[in-house]
Protein backbone atom coordinates (compact mmCIF):
# COMPACT_ATOMS: atom_id res chain seq x y z
CA MET A 1 21.22 -8.57 14.42
CA ARG A 2 20.07 -6.38 17.29
CA ARG A 3 20.70 -7.98 20.69
CA VAL A 4 19.30 -7.04 24.08
CA THR A 5 21.78 -7.67 26.89
CA PHE A 6 21.23 -7.35 30.62
CA TYR A 7 24.21 -6.39 32.78
CA HIS A 8 24.08 -7.27 36.47
CA ASN A 9 25.74 -4.58 38.60
CA ARG A 10 24.64 -4.00 42.15
CA SER A 11 25.63 -0.33 42.02
CA ILE A 12 23.21 0.44 39.17
CA ASN A 13 19.44 -0.02 39.18
CA LYS A 14 16.50 1.03 37.02
CA SER A 15 15.73 4.14 39.07
CA ASP A 16 19.33 5.33 38.61
CA ILE A 17 19.07 4.86 34.87
CA LYS A 18 15.77 6.71 34.66
CA GLN A 19 17.11 9.55 36.84
CA TYR A 20 20.05 10.31 34.59
CA PHE A 21 18.85 9.12 31.18
CA LEU A 22 15.25 10.24 30.88
CA PRO A 23 15.92 14.03 31.15
CA PHE A 24 18.47 13.71 28.35
CA LYS A 25 16.05 11.61 26.30
CA SER A 26 13.27 14.17 26.82
CA CYS A 27 15.48 17.06 25.74
CA LEU A 28 16.63 15.15 22.69
CA LEU A 29 13.05 14.31 21.74
CA ILE A 30 11.98 17.95 22.13
CA LEU A 31 14.86 19.03 19.87
CA ILE A 32 13.91 16.49 17.21
CA LEU A 33 10.28 17.54 17.40
CA CYS A 34 11.28 21.17 16.93
CA ILE A 35 13.34 20.33 13.86
CA LEU A 36 11.09 17.79 12.17
CA GLY A 37 7.75 18.45 13.80
CA CYS A 38 7.73 22.08 12.65
CA ASP A 39 8.44 20.93 9.12
CA ARG A 40 5.59 18.43 9.45
CA ALA A 41 3.15 21.20 10.32
CA LYS A 42 4.14 23.14 7.22
CA GLU A 43 3.93 20.28 4.75
CA LYS A 44 0.83 18.51 3.50
CA THR A 45 2.74 15.31 2.71
CA TYR A 46 5.05 14.17 5.47
CA ASN A 47 8.36 12.41 5.00
CA PHE A 48 9.38 9.24 6.82
CA GLY A 49 11.37 11.02 9.53
CA GLN A 50 8.42 13.24 10.42
CA ASP A 51 6.10 10.24 10.65
CA LEU A 52 8.62 8.49 12.89
CA VAL A 53 8.77 11.50 15.23
CA LEU A 54 4.97 11.46 15.51
CA LEU A 55 4.85 7.74 16.29
CA ASN A 56 7.73 8.02 18.77
CA LYS A 57 5.73 10.59 20.70
CA TYR A 58 2.56 8.51 21.04
CA THR A 59 3.67 4.87 20.66
CA GLU A 60 6.73 2.64 20.92
CA PRO A 61 7.59 2.04 17.26
CA ILE A 62 10.08 -0.48 15.91
CA VAL A 63 12.19 0.47 12.90
CA LEU A 64 13.47 -2.24 10.56
CA LYS A 65 16.23 -1.34 8.11
CA SER A 66 18.13 -2.65 5.09
CA ASN A 67 20.25 -1.37 2.19
CA GLY A 68 22.49 0.74 4.42
CA ASP A 69 19.49 2.23 6.28
CA GLN A 70 18.11 3.62 3.04
CA CYS A 71 15.18 1.20 3.20
CA GLN A 72 13.20 1.44 6.44
CA LEU A 73 9.78 0.61 7.83
CA ILE A 74 7.94 1.19 11.09
CA VAL A 75 6.11 -1.55 13.03
CA VAL A 76 3.93 -0.65 16.03
CA PRO A 77 3.06 -3.54 18.39
CA GLU A 78 0.37 -1.44 20.12
CA TYR A 79 -1.43 -1.23 16.79
CA GLN A 80 -1.60 -5.01 16.28
CA GLY A 81 1.91 -5.16 14.85
CA ARG A 82 0.94 -3.27 11.73
CA VAL A 83 3.47 -1.75 9.36
CA MET A 84 2.64 1.91 9.64
CA THR A 85 4.79 3.22 6.79
CA SER A 86 7.99 2.65 4.85
CA THR A 87 10.55 4.58 2.86
CA SER A 88 13.05 3.93 0.08
CA ASN A 89 15.31 6.88 0.80
CA GLY A 90 16.04 7.22 4.51
CA SER A 91 14.46 9.63 7.00
CA ARG A 92 14.01 12.41 4.44
CA GLY A 93 12.50 10.06 1.88
CA SER A 94 8.85 9.59 0.93
CA SER A 95 6.64 8.00 3.57
CA TYR A 96 4.41 5.60 1.64
CA GLY A 97 1.81 4.59 4.19
CA TRP A 98 -1.23 6.62 5.20
CA ILE A 99 -1.11 7.56 8.90
CA ASN A 100 -4.08 9.04 10.74
CA ASP A 101 -2.09 11.58 12.73
CA LYS A 102 -5.24 13.38 13.94
CA LEU A 103 -6.55 10.22 15.64
CA ILE A 104 -3.15 9.28 17.03
CA ARG A 105 -2.62 12.76 18.50
CA SER A 106 -6.09 12.81 20.09
CA GLY A 107 -5.49 9.68 22.17
CA GLU A 108 -9.21 8.95 21.85
CA ILE A 109 -10.74 5.51 21.31
CA GLN A 110 -13.41 5.48 18.63
CA PRO A 111 -16.40 3.13 19.03
CA HIS A 112 -16.55 1.53 15.57
CA ILE A 113 -12.97 1.48 14.31
CA ASN A 114 -9.68 3.10 15.23
CA ALA A 115 -8.23 3.75 11.79
CA TYR A 116 -4.66 4.52 12.83
CA GLY A 117 -3.53 3.80 9.28
CA GLY A 118 -0.75 1.51 8.15
CA GLU A 119 0.47 -0.19 4.99
CA ASP A 120 -0.04 -3.73 6.29
CA ARG A 121 -2.48 -4.47 9.11
CA PHE A 122 -3.81 -7.78 10.35
CA TRP A 123 -7.56 -8.30 10.24
CA VAL A 124 -9.86 -11.33 10.31
CA GLY A 125 -12.76 -12.01 7.97
CA PRO A 126 -15.63 -12.20 7.29
CA GLU A 127 -16.81 -8.64 7.76
CA GLY A 128 -20.46 -9.23 6.87
CA GLY A 129 -22.97 -12.07 6.69
CA GLN A 130 -24.19 -14.71 9.11
CA PHE A 131 -20.62 -15.56 10.10
CA SER A 132 -19.40 -11.98 10.44
CA VAL A 133 -17.16 -11.07 13.39
CA PHE A 134 -17.97 -7.34 12.99
CA PHE A 135 -21.72 -7.53 13.72
CA GLU A 136 -23.56 -8.85 16.76
CA GLN A 137 -26.25 -11.45 16.30
CA GLY A 138 -29.59 -9.99 15.24
CA ASN A 139 -28.31 -6.50 14.43
CA PRO A 140 -28.85 -4.92 11.01
CA PHE A 141 -25.87 -4.72 8.66
CA ASP A 142 -25.29 -0.97 8.71
CA LEU A 143 -22.59 1.43 9.89
CA ASP A 144 -24.33 2.13 13.19
CA HIS A 145 -24.02 -1.55 14.18
CA TRP A 146 -20.63 -2.27 12.63
CA TYR A 147 -17.83 -2.71 15.21
CA THR A 148 -14.26 -3.84 14.64
CA PRO A 149 -13.34 -6.52 17.21
CA ALA A 150 -11.03 -5.11 19.88
CA ALA A 151 -8.47 -7.86 19.27
CA ILE A 152 -7.77 -6.42 15.80
CA ASP A 153 -8.48 -2.79 16.61
CA THR A 154 -7.34 -1.57 20.05
CA GLU A 155 -5.56 -4.44 21.77
CA PRO A 156 -1.77 -4.68 21.35
CA PHE A 157 0.18 -7.60 19.98
CA GLN A 158 3.04 -9.06 22.02
CA LEU A 159 6.56 -8.53 20.67
CA ASP A 160 8.26 -11.93 20.89
CA SER A 161 11.60 -11.32 19.17
CA LEU A 162 13.37 -8.63 17.18
CA SER A 163 16.37 -8.00 14.94
CA ASP A 164 17.42 -5.23 12.58
CA THR A 165 15.41 -6.83 9.79
CA TYR A 166 12.46 -8.63 11.39
CA ALA A 167 9.91 -8.41 14.19
CA ARG A 168 7.96 -11.41 15.47
CA LEU A 169 4.67 -10.79 17.28
CA SER A 170 1.76 -12.81 18.59
CA LYS A 171 -1.74 -12.48 20.02
CA THR A 172 -4.31 -14.81 21.58
CA MET A 173 -7.79 -13.62 20.71
CA HIS A 174 -11.42 -14.45 21.37
CA LEU A 175 -13.98 -13.71 18.67
CA VAL A 176 -17.74 -14.27 18.41
CA ASN A 177 -19.50 -14.39 15.05
CA TYR A 178 -22.99 -13.24 14.05
CA SER A 179 -24.33 -16.76 14.53
CA GLY A 180 -23.03 -16.83 18.11
CA TYR A 181 -20.10 -19.21 17.57
CA LYS A 182 -17.10 -18.45 19.79
CA PHE A 183 -13.54 -18.74 18.50
CA ARG A 184 -10.34 -18.96 20.52
CA ALA A 185 -7.40 -18.37 18.20
CA LYS A 186 -3.74 -17.46 18.19
CA VAL A 187 -2.09 -15.16 15.67
CA ASP A 188 1.62 -15.34 14.93
CA ARG A 189 2.92 -12.52 12.77
CA GLU A 190 6.42 -11.89 11.44
CA VAL A 191 7.34 -8.74 9.51
CA THR A 192 10.58 -8.87 7.52
CA ILE A 193 12.24 -6.14 5.45
CA PHE A 194 13.98 -7.27 2.24
CA ASP A 195 17.27 -6.20 0.75
CA GLY A 196 17.60 -5.36 -2.93
CA SER A 197 18.67 -8.83 -4.04
CA GLU A 198 15.69 -10.43 -2.27
CA ILE A 199 13.29 -8.01 -3.99
CA GLU A 200 14.79 -8.86 -7.39
CA LYS A 201 14.53 -12.58 -6.64
CA ASN A 202 10.98 -12.45 -5.26
CA LEU A 203 9.63 -10.52 -8.26
CA ASP A 204 12.13 -11.74 -10.89
CA ILE A 205 13.01 -8.19 -11.88
CA SER A 206 15.90 -5.73 -12.03
CA ILE A 207 15.50 -2.65 -9.84
CA GLU A 208 18.54 -0.78 -11.12
CA GLY A 209 17.96 2.96 -11.32
CA ALA A 210 14.93 3.08 -8.99
CA LEU A 211 14.53 3.79 -5.31
CA PHE A 212 13.00 0.73 -3.65
CA VAL A 213 11.74 -0.81 -0.43
CA GLY A 214 10.05 -4.13 0.12
CA TYR A 215 8.84 -6.21 3.03
CA GLN A 216 6.66 -9.21 3.91
CA SER A 217 4.24 -10.11 6.66
CA GLU A 218 3.90 -13.82 7.40
CA ASN A 219 0.61 -14.39 9.25
CA ILE A 220 -0.48 -17.62 10.93
CA LEU A 221 -3.91 -18.21 12.49
CA THR A 222 -4.25 -21.26 14.78
CA ASN A 223 -7.33 -22.94 16.24
CA LEU A 224 -6.86 -22.98 20.05
CA ASP A 225 -10.29 -24.43 20.71
CA GLN A 226 -10.86 -28.03 21.78
CA THR A 227 -13.33 -28.53 18.93
CA PRO A 228 -12.94 -28.20 15.15
CA TRP A 229 -13.95 -25.10 13.22
CA LYS A 230 -16.63 -26.13 10.71
CA LYS A 231 -18.29 -24.45 7.76
CA ASP A 232 -21.78 -24.71 9.20
CA THR A 233 -20.83 -22.63 12.28
CA GLY A 234 -18.51 -20.27 10.46
CA LEU A 235 -14.84 -20.07 9.51
CA LEU A 236 -12.22 -17.35 9.77
CA SER A 237 -9.78 -16.01 7.20
CA ILE A 238 -6.61 -13.94 7.43
CA TRP A 239 -7.19 -10.53 5.90
CA ILE A 240 -4.31 -8.12 5.26
CA LEU A 241 -5.10 -4.52 4.36
CA GLY A 242 -2.74 -1.75 3.30
CA MET A 243 -3.72 1.93 3.59
CA PHE A 244 -1.94 4.35 1.26
CA LYS A 245 -1.97 8.06 0.54
CA PRO A 246 -4.45 8.97 -2.23
CA SER A 247 -4.09 11.49 -5.00
CA ASP A 248 -6.09 12.61 -8.04
CA ASP A 249 -3.42 10.89 -10.14
CA THR A 250 -3.50 7.47 -8.43
CA TRP A 251 -5.02 4.36 -9.96
CA VAL A 252 -5.16 0.85 -8.50
CA ILE A 253 -4.13 -1.72 -11.11
CA ILE A 254 -5.41 -5.31 -10.75
CA PRO A 255 -4.50 -7.83 -13.46
CA TYR A 256 -6.92 -10.75 -13.81
CA LYS A 257 -7.42 -14.05 -15.63
CA ASN A 258 -10.48 -15.71 -17.17
CA GLN A 259 -13.80 -13.98 -17.77
CA LEU A 260 -14.06 -11.21 -15.23
CA GLN A 261 -16.61 -11.49 -12.41
CA LEU A 262 -15.93 -8.21 -10.61
CA ASN A 263 -17.72 -7.57 -7.32
CA THR A 264 -18.78 -3.91 -7.05
CA SER A 265 -21.73 -4.32 -4.68
CA TYR A 266 -20.09 -3.63 -1.33
CA PHE A 267 -21.07 0.02 -0.85
CA GLY A 268 -23.24 0.70 -3.85
CA ALA A 269 -22.31 1.33 -7.45
CA VAL A 270 -18.83 2.58 -8.23
CA PRO A 271 -18.90 5.91 -10.10
CA PRO A 272 -18.16 5.07 -13.75
CA GLU A 273 -15.33 7.60 -14.01
CA LYS A 274 -13.51 5.80 -11.17
CA LEU A 275 -13.56 2.31 -12.67
CA LYS A 276 -12.08 1.20 -16.00
CA ILE A 277 -11.83 -2.36 -17.27
CA THR A 278 -9.60 -3.64 -20.05
CA ASP A 279 -9.20 -7.20 -21.27
CA GLN A 280 -6.21 -7.58 -18.93
CA VAL A 281 -6.57 -5.26 -15.90
CA VAL A 282 -9.08 -3.50 -13.68
CA LEU A 283 -8.30 0.16 -13.02
CA PHE A 284 -9.83 1.64 -9.85
CA LYS A 285 -9.37 5.25 -8.78
CA GLY A 286 -7.44 5.78 -5.53
CA ASP A 287 -8.31 9.42 -4.88
CA GLY A 288 -9.86 9.09 -1.42
CA LYS A 289 -12.89 11.09 -2.51
CA SER A 290 -15.60 8.53 -3.15
CA ARG A 291 -16.38 5.60 -0.83
CA SER A 292 -16.47 2.40 -2.86
CA LYS A 293 -14.95 -1.07 -2.94
CA ILE A 294 -14.29 -3.79 -5.48
CA GLY A 295 -13.31 -7.44 -5.22
CA LEU A 296 -12.02 -10.30 -7.37
CA PRO A 297 -12.99 -13.94 -6.74
CA PRO A 298 -10.49 -16.84 -6.95
CA LYS A 299 -11.37 -17.59 -10.58
CA ASN A 300 -10.00 -14.17 -11.59
CA ALA A 301 -7.25 -13.60 -9.03
CA LEU A 302 -3.56 -13.51 -9.75
CA SER A 303 -1.00 -13.21 -6.96
CA LEU A 304 -0.07 -9.61 -7.83
CA LEU A 305 -1.82 -6.25 -7.79
CA GLY A 306 -0.59 -2.69 -7.51
CA SER A 307 -1.13 1.03 -7.88
CA TYR A 308 0.56 3.97 -9.56
CA ASP A 309 0.71 7.55 -8.33
CA ALA A 310 1.60 9.54 -11.44
CA ALA A 311 2.01 12.82 -9.55
CA ASN A 312 4.75 11.45 -7.27
CA LYS A 313 6.03 8.71 -9.60
CA ILE A 314 5.49 5.89 -7.13
CA LEU A 315 4.68 2.35 -8.24
CA THR A 316 3.38 0.04 -5.49
CA ILE A 317 3.23 -3.73 -5.90
CA VAL A 318 1.49 -6.20 -3.58
CA GLN A 319 2.31 -9.89 -3.84
CA PHE A 320 0.55 -12.53 -1.77
CA SER A 321 0.29 -16.29 -1.33
CA LEU A 322 -2.37 -17.76 -3.61
CA SER A 323 -3.38 -21.42 -3.86
CA ASN A 324 -6.02 -23.38 -5.75
CA ASP A 325 -8.50 -23.14 -2.88
CA GLN A 326 -11.96 -21.89 -3.83
CA ASP A 327 -13.45 -21.20 -0.37
CA TYR A 328 -13.08 -17.56 0.63
CA VAL A 329 -15.26 -15.82 3.20
CA ASN A 330 -17.98 -13.55 1.88
CA SER A 331 -17.87 -10.10 3.51
CA LEU A 332 -20.98 -8.55 1.96
CA TRP A 333 -23.18 -6.83 4.55
CA GLU A 334 -26.17 -9.16 4.27
CA ILE A 335 -27.32 -12.66 5.13
CA GLN A 336 -25.69 -14.66 2.38
CA LYS A 337 -26.71 -17.60 0.27
CA ALA A 338 -23.04 -18.40 -0.46
CA PRO A 339 -20.92 -17.49 2.60
CA TYR A 340 -17.78 -19.07 1.13
CA LYS A 341 -17.92 -17.51 -2.33
CA GLY A 342 -16.05 -14.37 -1.37
CA ASP A 343 -13.14 -12.43 -2.82
CA VAL A 344 -9.38 -13.02 -2.74
CA ILE A 345 -8.44 -9.45 -3.68
CA ASN A 346 -10.13 -6.23 -2.59
CA SER A 347 -9.46 -2.55 -3.07
CA TYR A 348 -11.22 0.17 -1.11
CA ASN A 349 -11.34 3.86 -1.95
CA ASP A 350 -12.26 5.98 1.06
CA GLY A 351 -14.71 8.83 0.88
CA PRO A 352 -17.47 10.56 2.84
CA THR A 353 -20.25 8.38 4.24
CA GLU A 354 -23.93 9.31 4.07
CA ASN A 355 -23.58 11.56 7.13
CA GLY A 356 -20.58 13.34 5.62
CA ASN A 357 -17.98 11.82 7.97
CA GLN A 358 -14.78 10.31 6.59
CA MET A 359 -12.05 8.17 8.16
CA GLY A 360 -9.33 9.14 5.71
CA PRO A 361 -8.75 9.98 2.97
CA PHE A 362 -6.83 6.88 1.86
CA TYR A 363 -7.14 3.92 -0.47
CA GLU A 364 -6.46 0.25 0.26
CA LEU A 365 -4.87 -2.79 -1.36
CA GLU A 366 -6.07 -5.98 0.31
CA SER A 367 -5.58 -9.75 0.12
CA SER A 368 -7.19 -12.66 1.97
CA SER A 369 -6.36 -16.24 2.80
CA PRO A 370 -8.77 -19.09 2.04
CA ALA A 371 -11.22 -20.17 4.73
CA LYS A 372 -10.44 -23.67 5.99
CA GLU A 373 -11.94 -26.07 8.48
CA LEU A 374 -9.32 -26.47 11.20
CA ASP A 375 -9.01 -29.15 13.84
CA PRO A 376 -7.67 -28.12 17.25
CA GLY A 377 -4.06 -27.04 16.87
CA GLN A 378 -4.25 -26.69 13.06
CA SER A 379 -3.34 -23.43 11.32
CA ILE A 380 -3.66 -21.43 8.14
CA LYS A 381 -0.85 -19.17 6.84
CA HIS A 382 -0.96 -16.16 4.59
CA LEU A 383 1.96 -14.16 3.13
CA HIS A 384 1.51 -10.57 2.01
CA SER A 385 4.39 -8.54 0.57
CA THR A 386 4.50 -4.85 -0.29
CA TYR A 387 7.00 -3.15 -2.60
CA HIS A 388 7.41 0.51 -3.50
CA PHE A 389 9.45 1.81 -6.44
CA GLU A 390 10.09 5.49 -7.01
CA GLY A 391 11.93 7.22 -9.81
CA ASP A 392 12.00 7.85 -13.53
CA PHE A 393 8.77 7.07 -15.41
CA LYS A 394 10.55 4.90 -17.98
CA ILE A 395 11.91 2.59 -15.26
CA LEU A 396 8.58 2.40 -13.43
CA ASN A 397 6.69 1.74 -16.64
CA ALA A 398 9.01 -1.13 -17.49
CA LEU A 399 8.32 -2.64 -14.04
CA SER A 400 4.58 -2.17 -14.46
CA LYS A 401 4.62 -3.89 -17.85
CA GLN A 402 6.61 -6.81 -16.49
CA LEU A 403 4.75 -7.27 -13.21
CA LEU A 404 1.20 -6.07 -13.89
CA GLY A 405 1.08 -6.39 -17.68
CA PHE A 406 0.03 -2.77 -17.96
CA ASP A 407 1.52 0.14 -19.85
CA LEU A 408 1.30 3.19 -17.60
CA SER A 409 1.47 5.54 -20.56
CA THR A 410 -2.03 4.40 -21.58
CA MET A 411 -3.51 5.44 -18.26
CA GLU A 412 -6.16 8.12 -18.59
CA ASP A 413 -7.08 10.73 -16.00
């Protein structure tokens, strides 16, 4: 466990430390940037060490480690405590999260959303509808009037405690929904990196022969108001979104139960070549070239989904807490007849908007908590875990069959 200790010595003060330490730190950082940063400029896909150098330059990242430092992830409190990226093979290993290095380098604040990237970021739903927290009352539901609340976009989370394997953060936030109801809420968020035995236990698998990394975010949303949150004035949900690097060989894989009621109406029809449905799974293209989104309601949702990048032989699994609750916020961009008949699982594929602009490219794996009426002081909790496995196709296919019920060898381009 990492410990922070303060030594009281009258002959040493902060200015002395800065005077002697900062020049050395600056020289060291410049040297690292020269070594790794130059490589970053040459490569289209950056490794974990290069991403860490970038984030060290513009933020104050936290690195969590396990498995002899082979498994690592980066948490940035300034970016709402999101997990920016992770690796299964140390600093030279693959960096699995999508990072918007152009935006980070610019230092600019965008008006609608600051898509810094990240494999696990905290958001609050609903996005659309009469209880939306992304649209102001009376405005049309379009991109020009869509604004991500600052509390989940530009305002930092507070780092409360830290060890080698976890980071605990918190944030008090004020939100106003489309109907004018004002929320005062607290978010408590803990990110924990797993070791190999915990991954095997959590998923009931063997990971022998594969590179691996896994971690969990535990997210708690508490009503700090003096009055209850009620359905008729709007409820909030915890919404965790992971942004990943796209490729022409990447498919999102979502197993489902019961007769499928797939929601494809978020941003218009999904191109038919980017959506395939079998009697067990939904396949959704993660190429970052066509803006579209799908969702599964609670009647269809299982607690696992994933994606497979055939070009880089990376299998990603997302596991989340799922109960028998049926009330989930509806995020469609319209005034809704059923505001609590929303989706549990979503996947978004980024692409150009109507004006040709694009945030990414990236694709997303998302999960949401139920929406619940909360008395003052009451909370909801949502767990969201992300696992990456990299290696031989045979090993990854066995994991896909066991976890997602899908044979990767049947996947078509």
